[in-house]
Amino acid sequence: MLNSRDIDDLRADVAANCRVWMQLCRDAGLAVCITGTVRDRAYQEYCYQNGTSKGRVPTFHAQGVGLAFDFCKNVKGQEYSDPAFFQRAGELGERVGFEWGGRWKSFPDRPHLQWSGGGKYTSSMILAGRYPPAMPLYKEKETAMTTEEAKSTLKAKAGLSDTTIEYLWSYRWGDELLVKLAKAMEGK
């Protein structure tokens, strides 16, 4: 059975964005560990039998496809027990451009990110050999204001507490939301 954890086994564009995502996670204080990149049919069947996969045949994870990876919290004994960790890591993945399995209605898969061309490519398309175009390399938008400056502005001008600021930061848009709010407070 093959269940690779090697990021280099992913398609090159997906691997590059996986590394960017990992750095964003580190910057956000999230300890992530890649638990799977590509797999063979035997390992996919194993996942299906254990209830961790909906399909019996690998699609986005397939060898030679490399469009998906799985991850966990890199804390022994807490790898899958922290919903807030997966929420934040999934949101950061979405910011990079990945589709996060945690948003799926029929089979939520919180530890899964994949490049599906913005949701346009399905498992059946992948099985038919139709793959999404190259994933653009994610780059942070240039902001003149750092997150720490934004937090300081929100405390001083809006009178927000550290708890409220942390809540706002942990919301879906994180740093981007804080900077936008702070800029609005400054009239920029």
Foldseek 3Di string as FASTA:
>chain_A
DDFDQDLVQADPLQSLLVVVLCVVCVVVVFAKGWRGFADALVVLCVCVVVVLDPDSGDFCRHGVNRFKTFMFGPDPPCGPPDPLSLLQSCLSLVLQPWHAQCPDDPRRNSRMTGHQPNVPHDRVCRVVVHGHDRRDGDDDDDDPAWLVNLVVLCCVQVVDDPVVLVVQLSPSPHSVRSSVVSCVSVVD
